[in-house]
PDB file of all heavy atoms in Angstrom:
ATOM      1  N   LYS A   1     228.724 159.405 183.767  1.00  0.00           N
ATOM      2  CA  LYS A   1     227.250 159.161 184.166  1.00  0.00           C
ATOM      3  C   LYS A   1     227.178 160.035 185.339  1.00  0.00           C
ATOM      4  O   LYS A   1     226.115 160.790 185.603  1.00  0.00           O
ATOM      5  CB  LYS A   1     226.919 157.790 184.380  1.00  0.00           C
ATOM      6  CG  LYS A   1     226.766 156.960 183.322  1.00  0.00           C
ATOM      7  CD  LYS A   1     225.956 155.526 183.508  1.00  0.00           C
ATOM      8  CE  LYS A   1     226.767 154.714 184.497  1.00  0.00           C
ATOM      9  NZ  LYS A   1     225.998 153.460 184.647  1.00  0.00           N
ATOM     10  N   LEU A   2     228.182 160.061 186.271  1.00  0.00           N
ATOM     11  CA  LEU A   2     227.948 160.811 187.663  1.00  0.00           C
ATOM     12  C   LEU A   2     228.342 162.329 187.431  1.00  0.00           C
ATOM     13  O   LEU A   2     227.687 163.132 188.102  1.00  0.00           O
ATOM     14  CB  LEU A   2     229.003 160.115 188.638  1.00  0.00           C
ATOM     15  CG  LEU A   2     228.648 158.721 188.936  1.00  0.00           C
ATOM     16  CD1 LEU A   2     229.709 158.166 189.883  1.00  0.00           C
ATOM     17  CD2 LEU A   2     227.285 158.611 189.851  1.00  0.00           C
ATOM     18  N   LEU A   3     229.442 162.630 186.690  1.00  0.00           N
ATOM     19  CA  LEU A   3     230.037 164.049 186.735  1.00  0.00           C
ATOM     20  C   LEU A   3     229.525 164.735 185.556  1.00  0.00           C
ATOM     21  O   LEU A   3     229.742 165.983 185.517  1.00  0.00           O
ATOM     22  CB  LEU A   3     231.429 163.972 186.866  1.00  0.00           C
ATOM     23  CG  LEU A   3     232.019 163.269 188.141  1.00  0.00           C
ATOM     24  CD1 LEU A   3     233.475 163.334 188.291  1.00  0.00           C
ATOM     25  CD2 LEU A   3     231.427 163.886 189.386  1.00  0.00           C
ATOM     26  N   ALA A   4     229.106 164.156 184.449  1.00  0.00           N
ATOM     27  CA  ALA A   4     228.687 164.842 183.280  1.00  0.00           C
ATOM     28  C   ALA A   4     227.486 164.250 182.642  1.00  0.00           C
ATOM     29  O   ALA A   4     227.447 163.685 181.569  1.00  0.00           O
ATOM     30  CB  ALA A   4     229.910 164.867 182.255  1.00  0.00           C
ATOM     31  N   PRO A   5     226.294 164.256 183.483  1.00  0.00           N
ATOM     32  CA  PRO A   5     225.118 163.693 182.954  1.00  0.00           C
ATOM     33  C   PRO A   5     224.503 164.262 181.723  1.00  0.00           C
ATOM     34  O   PRO A   5     223.690 163.731 180.902  1.00  0.00           O
ATOM     35  CB  PRO A   5     224.134 163.703 184.100  1.00  0.00           C
ATOM     36  CG  PRO A   5     224.617 164.884 184.877  1.00  0.00           C
ATOM     37  CD  PRO A   5     226.166 164.780 184.816  1.00  0.00           C
ATOM     38  N   ASP A   6     224.938 165.542 181.380  1.00  0.00           N
ATOM     39  CA  ASP A   6     224.375 166.288 180.195  1.00  0.00           C
ATOM     40  C   ASP A   6     225.359 166.254 179.118  1.00  0.00           C
ATOM     41  O   ASP A   6     225.127 166.990 178.212  1.00  0.00           O
ATOM     42  CB  ASP A   6     224.069 167.753 180.678  1.00  0.00           C
ATOM     43  CG  ASP A   6     225.218 168.512 181.262  1.00  0.00           C
ATOM     44  OD1 ASP A   6     226.285 167.816 181.562  1.00  0.00           O
ATOM     45  OD2 ASP A   6     225.192 169.716 181.478  1.00  0.00           O
ATOM     46  N   SER A   7     226.370 165.502 179.117  1.00  0.00           N
ATOM     47  CA  SER A   7     227.353 165.315 178.062  1.00  0.00           C
ATOM     48  C   SER A   7     226.730 164.891 176.771  1.00  0.00           C
ATOM     49  O   SER A   7     225.801 164.016 176.814  1.00  0.00           O
ATOM     50  CB  SER A   7     228.443 164.431 178.456  1.00  0.00           C
ATOM     51  OG  SER A   7     229.354 164.269 177.335  1.00  0.00           O
ATOM     52  N   PHE A   8     227.155 165.352 175.684  1.00  0.00           N
ATOM     53  CA  PHE A   8     226.771 165.008 174.386  1.00  0.00           C
ATOM     54  C   PHE A   8     226.931 163.423 174.138  1.00  0.00           C
ATOM     55  O   PHE A   8     226.320 162.832 173.404  1.00  0.00           O
ATOM     56  CB  PHE A   8     227.450 165.670 173.238  1.00  0.00           C
ATOM     57  CG  PHE A   8     228.850 165.340 173.096  1.00  0.00           C
ATOM     58  CD1 PHE A   8     229.298 164.305 172.289  1.00  0.00           C
ATOM     59  CD2 PHE A   8     229.904 165.899 173.894  1.00  0.00           C
ATOM     60  CE1 PHE A   8     230.602 163.914 172.127  1.00  0.00           C
ATOM     61  CE2 PHE A   8     231.241 165.483 173.755  1.00  0.00           C
ATOM     62  CZ  PHE A   8     231.584 164.608 172.822  1.00  0.00           C
ATOM     63  N   TYR A   9     227.987 162.964 174.974  1.00  0.00           N
ATOM     64  CA  TYR A   9     228.367 161.515 174.734  1.00  0.00           C
ATOM     65  C   TYR A   9     227.217 160.620 174.841  1.00  0.00           C
ATOM     66  O   TYR A   9     227.140 159.616 174.124  1.00  0.00           O
ATOM     67  CB  TYR A   9     229.465 161.323 175.726  1.00  0.00           C
ATOM     68  CG  TYR A   9     229.974 159.787 175.580  1.00  0.00           C
ATOM     69  CD1 TYR A   9     231.053 159.592 174.715  1.00  0.00           C
ATOM     70  CD2 TYR A   9     229.505 158.780 176.457  1.00  0.00           C
ATOM     71  CE1 TYR A   9     231.594 158.217 174.706  1.00  0.00           C
ATOM     72  CE2 TYR A   9     230.033 157.507 176.340  1.00  0.00           C
ATOM     73  CZ  TYR A   9     231.027 157.263 175.462  1.00  0.00           C
ATOM     74  OH  TYR A   9     231.613 155.913 175.389  1.00  0.00           O
ATOM     75  N   HIS A  10     226.322 160.857 175.868  1.00  0.00           N
ATOM     76  CA  HIS A  10     225.209 159.890 176.147  1.00  0.00           C
ATOM     77  C   HIS A  10     224.259 159.893 174.903  1.00  0.00           C
ATOM     78  O   HIS A  10     223.799 158.805 174.592  1.00  0.00           O
ATOM     79  CB  HIS A  10     224.473 160.404 177.352  1.00  0.00           C
ATOM     80  CG  HIS A  10     225.342 160.630 178.556  1.00  0.00           C
ATOM     81  ND1 HIS A  10     226.010 159.613 179.212  1.00  0.00           N
ATOM     82  CD2 HIS A  10     225.708 161.822 179.241  1.00  0.00           C
ATOM     83  CE1 HIS A  10     226.719 160.068 180.201  1.00  0.00           C
ATOM     84  NE2 HIS A  10     226.520 161.377 180.251  1.00  0.00           N
ATOM     85  N   ASP A  11     224.105 160.996 174.218  1.00  0.00           N
ATOM     86  CA  ASP A  11     223.173 160.995 173.065  1.00  0.00           C
ATOM     87  C   ASP A  11     223.947 160.207 171.887  1.00  0.00           C
ATOM     88  O   ASP A  11     223.308 159.423 171.146  1.00  0.00           O
ATOM     89  CB  ASP A  11     222.860 162.393 172.542  1.00  0.00           C
ATOM     90  CG  ASP A  11     221.973 163.168 173.636  1.00  0.00           C
ATOM     91  OD1 ASP A  11     221.233 162.458 174.250  1.00  0.00           O
ATOM     92  OD2 ASP A  11     222.091 164.350 173.692  1.00  0.00           O
ATOM     93  N   TRP A  12     225.221 160.434 171.770  1.00  0.00           N
ATOM     94  CA  TRP A  12     225.883 159.832 170.784  1.00  0.00           C
ATOM     95  C   TRP A  12     225.990 158.341 170.789  1.00  0.00           C
ATOM     96  O   TRP A  12     225.950 157.750 169.733  1.00  0.00           O
ATOM     97  CB  TRP A  12     227.338 160.362 170.617  1.00  0.00           C
ATOM     98  CG  TRP A  12     227.545 161.807 170.054  1.00  0.00           C
ATOM     99  CD1 TRP A  12     226.401 162.785 169.982  1.00  0.00           C
ATOM    100  CD2 TRP A  12     228.568 162.358 169.347  1.00  0.00           C
ATOM    101  NE1 TRP A  12     226.885 163.845 169.358  1.00  0.00           N
ATOM    102  CE2 TRP A  12     228.234 163.656 168.832  1.00  0.00           C
ATOM    103  CE3 TRP A  12     229.923 161.921 168.982  1.00  0.00           C
ATOM    104  CZ2 TRP A  12     229.057 164.582 168.257  1.00  0.00           C
ATOM    105  CZ3 TRP A  12     230.783 162.722 168.465  1.00  0.00           C
ATOM    106  CH2 TRP A  12     230.380 164.053 167.996  1.00  0.00           C
ATOM    107  N   ILE A  13     226.129 157.824 171.917  1.00  0.00           N
ATOM    108  CA  ILE A  13     226.085 156.379 171.983  1.00  0.00           C
ATOM    109  C   ILE A  13     224.794 155.781 171.907  1.00  0.00           C
ATOM    110  O   ILE A  13     224.641 154.618 171.436  1.00  0.00           O
ATOM    111  CB  ILE A  13     226.869 155.933 173.272  1.00  0.00           C
ATOM    112  CG1 ILE A  13     227.453 154.517 173.042  1.00  0.00           C
ATOM    113  CG2 ILE A  13     225.995 155.997 174.460  1.00  0.00           C
ATOM    114  CD1 ILE A  13     228.446 154.023 174.239  1.00  0.00           C
ATOM    115  N   GLU A  14     223.672 156.507 172.241  1.00  0.00           N
ATOM    116  CA  GLU A  14     222.288 155.967 172.089  1.00  0.00           C
ATOM    117  C   GLU A  14     221.837 155.995 170.615  1.00  0.00           C
ATOM    118  O   GLU A  14     221.177 155.129 170.117  1.00  0.00           O
ATOM    119  CB  GLU A  14     221.448 156.735 173.059  1.00  0.00           C
ATOM    120  CG  GLU A  14     221.562 156.422 174.459  1.00  0.00           C
ATOM    121  CD  GLU A  14     221.242 154.982 174.777  1.00  0.00           C
ATOM    122  OE1 GLU A  14     220.204 154.519 174.217  1.00  0.00           O
ATOM    123  OE2 GLU A  14     221.848 154.423 175.828  1.00  0.00           O
ATOM    124  N   GLU A  15     222.299 157.088 170.045  1.00  0.00           N
ATOM    125  CA  GLU A  15     221.927 157.264 168.606  1.00  0.00           C
ATOM    126  C   GLU A  15     222.819 156.440 167.664  1.00  0.00           C
ATOM    127  O   GLU A  15     223.710 157.082 166.928  1.00  0.00           O
ATOM    128  CB  GLU A  15     221.825 158.754 168.192  1.00  0.00           C
ATOM    129  CG  GLU A  15     220.847 159.490 169.001  1.00  0.00           C
ATOM    130  CD  GLU A  15     219.371 159.354 168.494  1.00  0.00           C
ATOM    131  OE1 GLU A  15     219.260 158.858 167.376  1.00  0.00           O
ATOM    132  OE2 GLU A  15     218.520 159.707 169.194  1.00  0.00           O
ATOM    133  N   ASN A  16     222.786 155.182 167.586  1.00  0.00           N
ATOM    134  CA  ASN A  16     223.759 154.313 167.093  1.00  0.00           C
ATOM    135  C   ASN A  16     223.406 153.984 165.622  1.00  0.00           C
ATOM    136  O   ASN A  16     224.061 153.122 164.899  1.00  0.00           O
ATOM    137  CB  ASN A  16     223.933 153.081 167.864  1.00  0.00           C
ATOM    138  CG  ASN A  16     222.689 152.357 168.093  1.00  0.00           C
ATOM    139  OD1 ASN A  16     221.706 152.432 167.369  1.00  0.00           O
ATOM    140  ND2 ASN A  16     222.672 151.625 169.225  1.00  0.00           N
ATOM    141  N   GLN A  17     222.414 154.663 165.061  1.00  0.00           N
ATOM    142  CA  GLN A  17     221.994 154.393 163.573  1.00  0.00           C
ATOM    143  C   GLN A  17     221.900 155.875 162.938  1.00  0.00           C
ATOM    144  O   GLN A  17     221.436 156.719 163.719  1.00  0.00           O
ATOM    145  CB  GLN A  17     220.772 153.588 163.542  1.00  0.00           C
ATOM    146  CG  GLN A  17     220.819 152.181 164.080  1.00  0.00           C
ATOM    147  CD  GLN A  17     221.782 151.327 163.281  1.00  0.00           C
ATOM    148  OE1 GLN A  17     221.930 151.421 162.116  1.00  0.00           O
ATOM    149  NE2 GLN A  17     222.493 150.410 164.035  1.00  0.00           N
ATOM    150  N   PRO A  18     222.017 155.914 161.564  1.00  0.00           N
ATOM    151  CA  PRO A  18     221.832 157.164 160.974  1.00  0.00           C
ATOM    152  C   PRO A  18     220.314 157.492 161.166  1.00  0.00           C
ATOM    153  O   PRO A  18     219.390 156.795 161.066  1.00  0.00           O
ATOM    154  CB  PRO A  18     222.044 156.791 159.439  1.00  0.00           C
ATOM    155  CG  PRO A  18     222.927 155.701 159.498  1.00  0.00           C
ATOM    156  CD  PRO A  18     222.586 154.908 160.702  1.00  0.00           C
ATOM    157  N   SER A  19     220.108 158.771 161.475  1.00  0.00           N
ATOM    158  CA  SER A  19     218.675 159.253 161.893  1.00  0.00           C
ATOM    159  C   SER A  19     218.670 160.726 161.786  1.00  0.00           C
ATOM    160  O   SER A  19     219.627 161.403 161.419  1.00  0.00           O
ATOM    161  CB  SER A  19     218.541 158.928 163.472  1.00  0.00           C
ATOM    162  OG  SER A  19     219.400 159.626 164.297  1.00  0.00           O
ATOM    163  N   ASP A  20     217.504 161.212 162.041  1.00  0.00           N
ATOM    164  CA  ASP A  20     217.316 162.736 161.887  1.00  0.00           C
ATOM    165  C   ASP A  20     218.082 163.458 162.896  1.00  0.00           C
ATOM    166  O   ASP A  20     218.443 164.663 162.724  1.00  0.00           O
ATOM    167  CB  ASP A  20     215.878 163.054 162.152  1.00  0.00           C
ATOM    168  CG  ASP A  20     214.985 162.793 160.937  1.00  0.00           C
ATOM    169  OD1 ASP A  20     215.537 162.500 159.801  1.00  0.00           O
ATOM    170  OD2 ASP A  20     213.677 162.666 161.084  1.00  0.00           O
ATOM    171  N   TYR A  21     218.481 162.843 164.104  1.00  0.00           N
ATOM    172  CA  TYR A  21     219.331 163.408 165.006  1.00  0.00           C
ATOM    173  C   TYR A  21     220.607 163.883 164.405  1.00  0.00           C
ATOM    174  O   TYR A  21     221.125 165.045 164.621  1.00  0.00           O
ATOM    175  CB  TYR A  21     219.599 162.452 166.274  1.00  0.00           C
ATOM    176  CG  TYR A  21     220.741 162.900 167.191  1.00  0.00           C
ATOM    177  CD1 TYR A  21     220.447 163.697 168.280  1.00  0.00           C
ATOM    178  CD2 TYR A  21     222.008 162.563 167.057  1.00  0.00           C
ATOM    179  CE1 TYR A  21     221.325 164.234 169.161  1.00  0.00           C
ATOM    180  CE2 TYR A  21     223.006 162.962 167.878  1.00  0.00           C
ATOM    181  CZ  TYR A  21     222.619 163.813 168.961  1.00  0.00           C
ATOM    182  OH  TYR A  21     223.668 164.253 169.857  1.00  0.00           O
ATOM    183  N   TRP A  22     221.286 162.952 163.716  1.00  0.00           N
ATOM    184  CA  TRP A  22     222.522 163.264 163.102  1.00  0.00           C
ATOM    185  C   TRP A  22     222.360 164.130 161.933  1.00  0.00           C
ATOM    186  O   TRP A  22     223.363 165.001 161.596  1.00  0.00           O
ATOM    187  CB  TRP A  22     223.176 161.928 162.655  1.00  0.00           C
ATOM    188  CG  TRP A  22     223.572 161.099 163.734  1.00  0.00           C
ATOM    189  CD1 TRP A  22     222.898 159.936 164.128  1.00  0.00           C
ATOM    190  CD2 TRP A  22     224.564 161.267 164.709  1.00  0.00           C
ATOM    191  NE1 TRP A  22     223.456 159.251 165.150  1.00  0.00           N
ATOM    192  CE2 TRP A  22     224.512 160.109 165.528  1.00  0.00           C
ATOM    193  CE3 TRP A  22     225.639 162.160 164.869  1.00  0.00           C
ATOM    194  CZ2 TRP A  22     225.388 160.043 166.718  1.00  0.00           C
ATOM    195  CZ3 TRP A  22     226.421 162.010 166.018  1.00  0.00           C
ATOM    196  CH2 TRP A  22     226.379 160.975 166.863  1.00  0.00           C
ATOM    197  N   LYS A  23     221.363 164.127 161.096  1.00  0.00           N
ATOM    198  CA  LYS A  23     221.066 164.910 160.023  1.00  0.00           C
ATOM    199  C   LYS A  23     220.922 166.370 160.460  1.00  0.00           C
ATOM    200  O   LYS A  23     221.481 167.291 159.879  1.00  0.00           O
ATOM    201  CB  LYS A  23     219.918 164.534 159.254  1.00  0.00           C
ATOM    202  CG  LYS A  23     219.489 165.335 157.995  1.00  0.00           C
ATOM    203  CD  LYS A  23     218.274 164.895 157.330  1.00  0.00           C
ATOM    204  CE  LYS A  23     217.936 165.744 156.047  1.00  0.00           C
ATOM    205  NZ  LYS A  23     216.803 165.280 155.333  1.00  0.00           N
ATOM    206  N   ASN A  24     220.273 166.633 161.496  1.00  0.00           N
ATOM    207  CA  ASN A  24     219.993 167.843 162.050  1.00  0.00           C
ATOM    208  C   ASN A  24     221.155 168.542 162.787  1.00  0.00           C
ATOM    209  O   ASN A  24     221.405 169.756 162.657  1.00  0.00           O
ATOM    210  CB  ASN A  24     218.791 167.874 162.959  1.00  0.00           C
ATOM    211  CG  ASN A  24     217.378 167.532 162.367  1.00  0.00           C
ATOM    212  OD1 ASN A  24     217.341 167.767 161.224  1.00  0.00           O
ATOM    213  ND2 ASN A  24     216.494 167.003 163.103  1.00  0.00           N
ATOM    214  N   LEU A  25     222.041 167.632 163.256  1.00  0.00           N
ATOM    215  CA  LEU A  25     223.202 168.092 163.917  1.00  0.00           C
ATOM    216  C   LEU A  25     224.287 168.468 162.947  1.00  0.00           C
ATOM    217  O   LEU A  25     225.210 169.260 163.235  1.00  0.00           O
ATOM    218  CB  LEU A  25     223.708 167.119 164.969  1.00  0.00           C
ATOM    219  CG  LEU A  25     224.761 167.582 166.047  1.00  0.00           C
ATOM    220  CD1 LEU A  25     224.092 168.695 166.904  1.00  0.00           C
ATOM    221  CD2 LEU A  25     225.174 166.413 166.864  1.00  0.00           C
ATOM    222  N   SER A  26     224.466 167.770 161.772  1.00  0.00           N
ATOM    223  CA  SER A  26     225.537 167.934 160.883  1.00  0.00           C
ATOM    224  C   SER A  26     225.261 169.274 160.098  1.00  0.00           C
ATOM    225  O   SER A  26     224.174 169.682 159.817  1.00  0.00           O
ATOM    226  CB  SER A  26     225.611 166.698 159.832  1.00  0.00           C
ATOM    227  OG  SER A  26     225.886 165.596 160.707  1.00  0.00           O
ATOM    228  N   PRO A  27     226.427 169.929 159.735  1.00  0.00           N
ATOM    229  CA  PRO A  27     226.340 171.137 158.948  1.00  0.00           C
ATOM    230  C   PRO A  27     225.770 170.849 157.557  1.00  0.00           C
ATOM    231  O   PRO A  27     226.192 169.839 156.942  1.00  0.00           O
ATOM    232  CB  PRO A  27     227.750 171.733 158.848  1.00  0.00           C
ATOM    233  CG  PRO A  27     228.587 170.578 159.212  1.00  0.00           C
ATOM    234  CD  PRO A  27     227.784 169.667 160.056  1.00  0.00           C
ATOM    235  N   ASN A  28     224.964 171.659 156.977  1.00  0.00           N
ATOM    236  CA  ASN A  28     224.349 171.503 155.703  1.00  0.00           C
ATOM    237  C   ASN A  28     225.003 172.493 154.778  1.00  0.00           C
ATOM    238  O   ASN A  28     224.799 173.662 154.759  1.00  0.00           O
ATOM    239  CB  ASN A  28     222.800 171.798 155.797  1.00  0.00           C
ATOM    240  CG  ASN A  28     222.183 171.494 154.348  1.00  0.00           C
ATOM    241  OD1 ASN A  28     222.837 171.403 153.328  1.00  0.00           O
ATOM    242  ND2 ASN A  28     220.817 171.428 154.473  1.00  0.00           N
ATOM    243  N   LEU A  29     225.823 171.916 153.757  1.00  0.00           N
ATOM    244  CA  LEU A  29     226.613 172.713 152.911  1.00  0.00           C
ATOM    245  C   LEU A  29     225.909 172.727 151.468  1.00  0.00           C
ATOM    246  O   LEU A  29     226.602 173.231 150.549  1.00  0.00           O
ATOM    247  CB  LEU A  29     228.099 172.294 152.761  1.00  0.00           C
ATOM    248  CG  LEU A  29     228.765 172.211 154.201  1.00  0.00           C
ATOM    249  CD1 LEU A  29     230.193 171.662 153.967  1.00  0.00           C
ATOM    250  CD2 LEU A  29     228.773 173.505 154.853  1.00  0.00           C
ATOM    251  N   ASP A  30     224.691 172.335 151.310  1.00  0.00           N
ATOM    252  CA  ASP A  30     224.151 172.180 149.979  1.00  0.00           C
ATOM    253  C   ASP A  30     224.153 173.448 149.196  1.00  0.00           C
ATOM    254  O   ASP A  30     224.316 173.470 147.946  1.00  0.00           O
ATOM    255  CB  ASP A  30     222.715 171.686 150.024  1.00  0.00           C
ATOM    256  CG  ASP A  30     222.712 170.134 150.546  1.00  0.00           C
ATOM    257  OD1 ASP A  30     223.761 169.478 150.575  1.00  0.00           O
ATOM    258  OD2 ASP A  30     221.626 169.594 150.905  1.00  0.00           O
ATOM    259  N   ASN A  31     223.923 174.562 149.798  1.00  0.00           N
ATOM    260  CA  ASN A  31     223.877 175.864 149.248  1.00  0.00           C
ATOM    261  C   ASN A  31     225.073 176.758 149.315  1.00  0.00           C
ATOM    262  O   ASN A  31     224.971 177.955 148.950  1.00  0.00           O
ATOM    263  CB  ASN A  31     222.549 176.664 149.752  1.00  0.00           C
ATOM    264  CG  ASN A  31     221.364 175.920 149.533  1.00  0.00           C
ATOM    265  OD1 ASN A  31     221.053 175.411 148.415  1.00  0.00           O
ATOM    266  ND2 ASN A  31     220.381 175.778 150.582  1.00  0.00           N
ATOM    267  N   VAL A  32     226.083 176.224 149.884  1.00  0.00           N
ATOM    268  CA  VAL A  32     227.397 176.967 150.075  1.00  0.00           C
ATOM    269  C   VAL A  32     228.197 176.926 148.750  1.00  0.00           C
ATOM    270  O   VAL A  32     228.412 175.936 148.197  1.00  0.00           O
ATOM    271  CB  VAL A  32     228.171 176.361 151.234  1.00  0.00           C
ATOM    272  CG1 VAL A  32     229.557 177.048 151.243  1.00  0.00           C
ATOM    273  CG2 VAL A  32     227.431 176.505 152.541  1.00  0.00           C
ATOM    274  N   ASP A  33     228.572 178.164 148.389  1.00  0.00           N
ATOM    275  CA  ASP A  33     229.355 178.345 147.100  1.00  0.00           C
ATOM    276  C   ASP A  33     230.526 179.231 147.502  1.00  0.00           C
ATOM    277  O   ASP A  33     230.535 180.436 147.343  1.00  0.00           O
ATOM    278  CB  ASP A  33     228.505 179.030 146.015  1.00  0.00           C
ATOM    279  CG  ASP A  33     229.322 179.068 144.855  1.00  0.00           C
ATOM    280  OD1 ASP A  33     230.407 178.427 144.570  1.00  0.00           O
ATOM    281  OD2 ASP A  33     228.885 179.872 143.883  1.00  0.00           O
ATOM    282  N   LEU A  34     231.594 178.612 148.116  1.00  0.00           N
ATOM    283  CA  LEU A  34     232.750 179.361 148.528  1.00  0.00           C
ATOM    284  C   LEU A  34     233.958 178.564 148.134  1.00  0.00           C
ATOM    285  O   LEU A  34     233.951 177.334 148.035  1.00  0.00           O
ATOM    286  CB  LEU A  34     232.802 179.348 150.057  1.00  0.00           C
ATOM    287  CG  LEU A  34     231.912 180.356 150.895  1.00  0.00           C
ATOM    288  CD1 LEU A  34     232.029 180.189 152.346  1.00  0.00           C
ATOM    289  CD2 LEU A  34     232.181 181.772 150.544  1.00  0.00           C
TER     290      LEU A  34
END
């Protein structure tokens, strides 16, 4: 809280349910053919 107020950690613990936050942050491999 004091030394890293912009850390991703604060968002991760607040976003404690599946949501658009996680959907948008996760890689989308639907069209990947490798």
